[in-house]
Structure formats: structure tokens, C-alpha cells
Amino acid sequence: MQPSGPQADGSNHRGHARNRVLLGGLVVSRDGTQTWDCMITDVSENGAKIRLTKGQVIPEHHFLINLKEGVAYESTAEWIRLPLIGLSFSGDHRLEDLTDPKLLFVKRLWQERRRR
């Protein structure tokens, strides 16, 4: 994976500006068998930057759940500078309204974390 962000000439090829945030997140493997807690530190329409606990590694393709907003993003790790990871989004799902049986595990994980 190639690092992204400011280029040597000072330009930035990110399509949308990211907004600084500090939100609880959950990274979930595509099959739902593994989860990792994270902090979402920047977010835009097309991606986010997350912070993992030191030593954690996530799969390249996964879901990122924004616990506060109740949205699961289909995500890909675009760059890694542990403990930070830059993600791009290829889709999103409002978990409150989610009915796709193949993705209900993501909704259940969000509901469990919300109750804590």
C-alpha cells in the first residue's frame, strides 16, 4: 500500500477535505469473525483516518462502524503508518434501517456496542 496525503510538492490528492473528529469506531472483518476498537480522528465523504491500539493490524478490506452515527462503511486501508491508518470508503449502510440478511451481523455488533 502506498502512503497518501501531502505530496513532495505540497499538493494533496485527496478528493474531499477531511473534518477532524474524535469518535469511537469499530473495525470489523468482512466475514464478521474479528473486530478491533479504534478512534476515528478524521472523516470525509470518501474516507477516514483511524487510530488503532498499538500493535493491532486490520485486514485491507473491512467494515468501519461509526458507533455514534450508526453507519457502517465498506472500507479499504489505503495507507498504514501504525497506529494510524487511512481508509477509503466504497459504500455505506445506515445501521438503524439495515435489513440485508448478509450484513445483519454488522448491525448486531453496533447494537451491542451501543448498549455499553
N, C-alpha and C. Protein backbone atom coordinates (compact mmCIF):
# COMPACT_ATOMS: atom_id res chain seq x y z
N MET A 1 0.84 -1.18 0.00
CA MET A 1 0.00 0.00 0.00
C MET A 1 0.87 1.23 0.00
N GLN A 2 0.49 2.21 -0.78
CA GLN A 2 1.26 3.43 -0.89
C GLN A 2 0.74 4.49 0.07
N PRO A 3 1.63 5.23 0.71
CA PRO A 3 1.19 6.34 1.54
C PRO A 3 0.48 7.38 0.69
N SER A 4 -0.52 8.02 1.28
CA SER A 4 -1.18 9.13 0.62
C SER A 4 -1.07 10.35 1.51
N GLY A 5 -1.61 11.44 1.07
CA GLY A 5 -1.52 12.66 1.84
C GLY A 5 -0.70 13.67 1.08
N PRO A 6 -0.12 14.65 1.78
CA PRO A 6 0.64 15.67 1.08
C PRO A 6 1.77 15.06 0.27
N GLN A 7 1.92 15.51 -0.94
CA GLN A 7 2.97 15.04 -1.84
C GLN A 7 4.22 15.89 -1.63
N ALA A 8 5.31 15.49 -2.26
CA ALA A 8 6.57 16.21 -2.12
C ALA A 8 6.43 17.66 -2.54
N ASP A 9 5.54 17.95 -3.51
CA ASP A 9 5.36 19.32 -3.96
C ASP A 9 4.36 20.09 -3.10
N GLY A 10 3.88 19.46 -2.00
CA GLY A 10 2.94 20.12 -1.09
C GLY A 10 1.49 19.94 -1.45
N SER A 11 1.20 19.32 -2.62
CA SER A 11 -0.19 19.12 -3.00
C SER A 11 -0.77 17.92 -2.27
N ASN A 12 -2.07 17.81 -2.29
CA ASN A 12 -2.75 16.70 -1.64
C ASN A 12 -3.76 16.17 -2.64
N HIS A 13 -3.72 14.86 -2.92
CA HIS A 13 -4.58 14.28 -3.94
C HIS A 13 -5.89 13.74 -3.37
N ARG A 14 -6.17 13.99 -2.10
CA ARG A 14 -7.42 13.57 -1.50
C ARG A 14 -8.54 14.37 -2.15
N GLY A 15 -9.62 13.71 -2.55
CA GLY A 15 -10.71 14.37 -3.25
C GLY A 15 -11.56 15.30 -2.40
N HIS A 16 -11.73 14.99 -1.13
CA HIS A 16 -12.58 15.78 -0.25
C HIS A 16 -11.81 16.10 1.03
N ALA A 17 -12.04 17.30 1.54
CA ALA A 17 -11.39 17.69 2.79
C ALA A 17 -11.93 16.83 3.93
N ARG A 18 -11.03 16.46 4.82
CA ARG A 18 -11.46 15.70 5.99
C ARG A 18 -11.72 16.65 7.15
N ASN A 19 -12.70 16.30 7.96
CA ASN A 19 -13.03 17.06 9.16
C ASN A 19 -12.44 16.33 10.35
N ARG A 20 -11.77 17.07 11.21
CA ARG A 20 -11.23 16.46 12.42
C ARG A 20 -12.38 16.10 13.36
N VAL A 21 -12.33 14.89 13.87
CA VAL A 21 -13.35 14.39 14.81
C VAL A 21 -12.64 13.53 15.84
N LEU A 22 -13.33 13.12 16.82
CA LEU A 22 -12.84 12.13 17.78
C LEU A 22 -14.04 11.26 18.14
N LEU A 23 -14.20 10.18 17.38
CA LEU A 23 -15.37 9.31 17.51
C LEU A 23 -14.93 7.88 17.76
N GLY A 24 -15.72 7.17 18.54
CA GLY A 24 -15.49 5.75 18.73
C GLY A 24 -15.85 4.98 17.48
N GLY A 25 -15.01 4.01 17.14
CA GLY A 25 -15.26 3.21 15.96
C GLY A 25 -14.96 1.75 16.22
N LEU A 26 -15.42 0.94 15.31
CA LEU A 26 -15.19 -0.49 15.37
C LEU A 26 -14.88 -0.96 13.96
N VAL A 27 -13.72 -1.59 13.79
CA VAL A 27 -13.36 -2.21 12.52
C VAL A 27 -13.80 -3.67 12.59
N VAL A 28 -14.45 -4.13 11.54
CA VAL A 28 -15.00 -5.49 11.52
C VAL A 28 -14.54 -6.18 10.24
N SER A 29 -14.01 -7.39 10.38
CA SER A 29 -13.64 -8.15 9.18
C SER A 29 -14.88 -8.39 8.34
N ARG A 30 -14.69 -8.56 7.05
CA ARG A 30 -15.83 -8.70 6.13
C ARG A 30 -16.71 -9.90 6.46
N ASP A 31 -16.14 -10.91 7.11
CA ASP A 31 -16.96 -12.08 7.47
C ASP A 31 -17.49 -11.99 8.90
N GLY A 32 -17.14 -10.91 9.61
CA GLY A 32 -17.67 -10.69 10.96
C GLY A 32 -16.99 -11.48 12.06
N THR A 33 -15.91 -12.19 11.75
CA THR A 33 -15.29 -13.04 12.77
C THR A 33 -14.30 -12.30 13.66
N GLN A 34 -13.85 -11.10 13.25
CA GLN A 34 -12.90 -10.35 14.06
C GLN A 34 -13.31 -8.89 14.14
N THR A 35 -13.02 -8.26 15.30
CA THR A 35 -13.29 -6.85 15.49
C THR A 35 -12.11 -6.18 16.18
N TRP A 36 -11.95 -4.89 15.92
CA TRP A 36 -10.89 -4.08 16.54
C TRP A 36 -11.50 -2.74 16.91
N ASP A 37 -11.33 -2.32 18.15
CA ASP A 37 -11.75 -0.98 18.56
C ASP A 37 -10.79 0.03 17.95
N CYS A 38 -11.31 1.20 17.61
CA CYS A 38 -10.47 2.25 17.06
C CYS A 38 -11.08 3.60 17.39
N MET A 39 -10.30 4.64 17.16
CA MET A 39 -10.78 6.02 17.24
C MET A 39 -10.76 6.57 15.83
N ILE A 40 -11.85 7.18 15.42
CA ILE A 40 -11.91 7.86 14.13
C ILE A 40 -11.46 9.29 14.39
N THR A 41 -10.36 9.70 13.74
CA THR A 41 -9.80 11.02 14.03
C THR A 41 -10.06 12.05 12.93
N ASP A 42 -10.27 11.62 11.72
CA ASP A 42 -10.63 12.48 10.59
C ASP A 42 -11.64 11.72 9.76
N VAL A 43 -12.58 12.45 9.17
CA VAL A 43 -13.56 11.79 8.31
C VAL A 43 -13.96 12.73 7.19
N SER A 44 -14.22 12.16 6.01
CA SER A 44 -14.75 12.90 4.87
C SER A 44 -15.81 12.03 4.22
N GLU A 45 -16.33 12.52 3.14
CA GLU A 45 -17.35 11.77 2.39
C GLU A 45 -16.79 10.45 1.85
N ASN A 46 -15.50 10.45 1.52
CA ASN A 46 -14.91 9.28 0.85
C ASN A 46 -13.92 8.49 1.67
N GLY A 47 -13.67 8.88 2.93
CA GLY A 47 -12.68 8.15 3.70
C GLY A 47 -12.52 8.68 5.10
N ALA A 48 -11.57 8.08 5.81
CA ALA A 48 -11.33 8.45 7.20
C ALA A 48 -9.91 8.09 7.59
N LYS A 49 -9.49 8.66 8.70
CA LYS A 49 -8.24 8.25 9.32
C LYS A 49 -8.61 7.70 10.69
N ILE A 50 -8.08 6.52 11.01
CA ILE A 50 -8.38 5.90 12.29
C ILE A 50 -7.08 5.66 13.06
N ARG A 51 -7.23 5.54 14.36
CA ARG A 51 -6.10 5.21 15.24
C ARG A 51 -6.44 3.90 15.94
N LEU A 52 -5.52 2.94 15.81
CA LEU A 52 -5.67 1.65 16.47
C LEU A 52 -4.84 1.61 17.74
N THR A 53 -5.10 0.63 18.57
CA THR A 53 -4.24 0.36 19.71
C THR A 53 -2.91 -0.15 19.18
N LYS A 54 -1.84 0.25 19.82
CA LYS A 54 -0.50 -0.13 19.36
C LYS A 54 -0.40 -1.64 19.14
N GLY A 55 0.15 -2.02 18.00
CA GLY A 55 0.36 -3.43 17.70
C GLY A 55 -0.77 -4.09 16.94
N GLN A 56 -1.92 -3.44 16.82
CA GLN A 56 -3.03 -4.05 16.09
C GLN A 56 -2.85 -3.88 14.58
N VAL A 57 -3.29 -4.87 13.84
CA VAL A 57 -3.28 -4.84 12.38
C VAL A 57 -4.66 -5.30 11.92
N ILE A 58 -5.19 -4.62 10.90
CA ILE A 58 -6.51 -4.97 10.39
C ILE A 58 -6.39 -5.47 8.95
N PRO A 59 -7.41 -6.18 8.46
CA PRO A 59 -7.37 -6.62 7.06
C PRO A 59 -7.52 -5.42 6.12
N GLU A 60 -7.04 -5.57 4.91
CA GLU A 60 -7.12 -4.49 3.93
C GLU A 60 -8.57 -4.09 3.66
N HIS A 61 -9.47 -5.06 3.51
CA HIS A 61 -10.88 -4.80 3.23
C HIS A 61 -11.69 -5.18 4.48
N HIS A 62 -12.58 -4.28 4.90
CA HIS A 62 -13.29 -4.46 6.16
C HIS A 62 -14.47 -3.49 6.22
N PHE A 63 -15.19 -3.51 7.32
CA PHE A 63 -16.21 -2.51 7.62
C PHE A 63 -15.68 -1.62 8.73
N LEU A 64 -15.97 -0.33 8.64
CA LEU A 64 -15.71 0.60 9.74
C LEU A 64 -17.06 1.08 10.24
N ILE A 65 -17.34 0.83 11.51
CA ILE A 65 -18.59 1.28 12.11
C ILE A 65 -18.34 2.56 12.89
N ASN A 66 -19.04 3.62 12.53
CA ASN A 66 -19.07 4.84 13.32
C ASN A 66 -20.14 4.60 14.39
N LEU A 67 -19.69 4.36 15.62
CA LEU A 67 -20.61 3.95 16.68
C LEU A 67 -21.63 5.04 17.02
N LYS A 68 -21.23 6.29 16.99
CA LYS A 68 -22.13 7.39 17.33
C LYS A 68 -23.20 7.60 16.27
N GLU A 69 -22.78 7.61 15.01
CA GLU A 69 -23.70 7.91 13.91
C GLU A 69 -24.50 6.69 13.44
N GLY A 70 -24.06 5.48 13.81
CA GLY A 70 -24.77 4.29 13.38
C GLY A 70 -24.65 4.02 11.89
N VAL A 71 -23.43 4.20 11.37
CA VAL A 71 -23.16 3.96 9.96
C VAL A 71 -22.00 2.97 9.84
N ALA A 72 -22.16 2.00 8.96
CA ALA A 72 -21.07 1.07 8.64
C ALA A 72 -20.59 1.39 7.24
N TYR A 73 -19.29 1.61 7.11
CA TYR A 73 -18.68 1.90 5.82
C TYR A 73 -17.94 0.67 5.31
N GLU A 74 -18.12 0.36 4.04
CA GLU A 74 -17.29 -0.64 3.39
C GLU A 74 -15.97 0.08 3.10
N SER A 75 -14.89 -0.39 3.73
CA SER A 75 -13.63 0.36 3.72
C SER A 75 -12.47 -0.46 3.21
N THR A 76 -11.47 0.27 2.72
CA THR A 76 -10.21 -0.31 2.29
C THR A 76 -9.09 0.51 2.90
N ALA A 77 -8.09 -0.17 3.47
CA ALA A 77 -6.92 0.52 4.00
C ALA A 77 -6.08 1.00 2.82
N GLU A 78 -5.89 2.31 2.73
CA GLU A 78 -5.12 2.90 1.63
C GLU A 78 -3.68 3.16 2.02
N TRP A 79 -3.43 3.47 3.28
CA TRP A 79 -2.07 3.66 3.78
C TRP A 79 -2.03 3.29 5.25
N ILE A 80 -0.85 2.90 5.70
CA ILE A 80 -0.67 2.49 7.08
C ILE A 80 0.60 3.13 7.62
N ARG A 81 0.47 3.84 8.71
CA ARG A 81 1.58 4.35 9.50
C ARG A 81 1.19 4.13 10.95
N LEU A 82 1.28 2.88 11.37
CA LEU A 82 0.76 2.48 12.67
C LEU A 82 1.21 3.44 13.76
N PRO A 83 0.29 3.83 14.63
CA PRO A 83 -1.05 3.27 14.82
C PRO A 83 -2.13 3.91 13.95
N LEU A 84 -1.75 4.77 12.97
CA LEU A 84 -2.73 5.42 12.11
C LEU A 84 -2.91 4.66 10.81
N ILE A 85 -4.17 4.66 10.32
CA ILE A 85 -4.49 4.02 9.04
C ILE A 85 -5.45 4.92 8.30
N GLY A 86 -5.14 5.17 7.02
CA GLY A 86 -6.03 5.93 6.16
C GLY A 86 -6.93 5.00 5.38
N LEU A 87 -8.22 5.28 5.39
CA LEU A 87 -9.22 4.42 4.75
C LEU A 87 -9.93 5.14 3.61
N SER A 88 -10.32 4.39 2.61
CA SER A 88 -11.24 4.91 1.60
C SER A 88 -12.55 4.13 1.73
N PHE A 89 -13.65 4.80 1.43
CA PHE A 89 -14.97 4.19 1.53
C PHE A 89 -15.48 3.85 0.14
N SER A 90 -16.09 2.66 0.02
CA SER A 90 -16.72 2.27 -1.25
C SER A 90 -18.23 2.12 -1.12
N GLY A 91 -18.75 2.27 0.07
CA GLY A 91 -20.18 2.18 0.31
C GLY A 91 -20.48 2.43 1.77
N ASP A 92 -21.73 2.70 2.07
CA ASP A 92 -22.12 2.88 3.47
C ASP A 92 -23.52 2.35 3.71
N HIS A 93 -23.79 2.02 4.97
CA HIS A 93 -25.06 1.42 5.37
C HIS A 93 -25.53 2.07 6.66
N ARG A 94 -26.72 2.68 6.64
CA ARG A 94 -27.34 3.20 7.87
C ARG A 94 -27.81 1.99 8.65
N LEU A 95 -27.23 1.78 9.82
CA LEU A 95 -27.48 0.53 10.56
C LEU A 95 -28.88 0.45 11.14
N GLU A 96 -29.47 1.57 11.49
CA GLU A 96 -30.83 1.57 12.04
C GLU A 96 -31.82 0.95 11.05
N ASP A 97 -31.60 1.18 9.76
CA ASP A 97 -32.52 0.74 8.72
C ASP A 97 -32.06 -0.51 7.98
N LEU A 98 -30.93 -1.08 8.37
CA LEU A 98 -30.33 -2.19 7.64
C LEU A 98 -31.20 -3.45 7.74
N THR A 99 -31.51 -4.04 6.58
CA THR A 99 -32.31 -5.28 6.55
C THR A 99 -31.65 -6.39 5.74
N ASP A 100 -30.52 -6.11 5.09
CA ASP A 100 -29.83 -7.12 4.28
C ASP A 100 -29.36 -8.25 5.20
N PRO A 101 -29.88 -9.47 5.02
CA PRO A 101 -29.52 -10.57 5.91
C PRO A 101 -28.03 -10.87 5.93
N LYS A 102 -27.31 -10.58 4.83
CA LYS A 102 -25.88 -10.84 4.78
C LYS A 102 -25.08 -9.88 5.65
N LEU A 103 -25.69 -8.73 6.01
CA LEU A 103 -24.98 -7.71 6.79
C LEU A 103 -25.54 -7.51 8.19
N LEU A 104 -26.50 -8.32 8.59
CA LEU A 104 -27.11 -8.13 9.91
C LEU A 104 -26.11 -8.31 11.05
N PHE A 105 -25.02 -9.04 10.82
CA PHE A 105 -24.00 -9.18 11.86
C PHE A 105 -23.38 -7.83 12.20
N VAL A 106 -23.26 -6.95 11.21
CA VAL A 106 -22.71 -5.61 11.45
C VAL A 106 -23.67 -4.81 12.33
N LYS A 107 -24.95 -4.90 12.03
CA LYS A 107 -25.97 -4.20 12.83
C LYS A 107 -25.97 -4.72 14.26
N ARG A 108 -25.85 -6.04 14.45
CA ARG A 108 -25.83 -6.62 15.80
C ARG A 108 -24.61 -6.13 16.59
N LEU A 109 -23.45 -6.06 15.95
CA LEU A 109 -22.26 -5.57 16.63
C LEU A 109 -22.45 -4.12 17.07
N TRP A 110 -23.02 -3.30 16.21
CA TRP A 110 -23.28 -1.90 16.56
C TRP A 110 -24.26 -1.80 17.73
N GLN A 111 -25.32 -2.59 17.69
CA GLN A 111 -26.30 -2.56 18.78
C GLN A 111 -25.67 -2.99 20.11
N GLU A 112 -24.82 -4.01 20.08
CA GLU A 112 -24.15 -4.47 21.31
C GLU A 112 -23.25 -3.38 21.87
N ARG A 113 -22.48 -2.72 21.03
CA ARG A 113 -21.57 -1.66 21.48
C ARG A 113 -22.32 -0.45 21.96
N ARG A 114 -23.45 -0.16 21.37
CA ARG A 114 -24.26 1.00 21.75
C ARG A 114 -24.79 0.86 23.17
N ARG A 115 -25.06 -0.36 23.59
CA ARG A 115 -25.61 -0.62 24.93
C ARG A 115 -24.61 -0.47 26.04
N ARG A 116 -23.32 -0.46 25.72
CA ARG A 116 -22.28 -0.38 26.74
C ARG A 116 -22.20 0.98 27.38
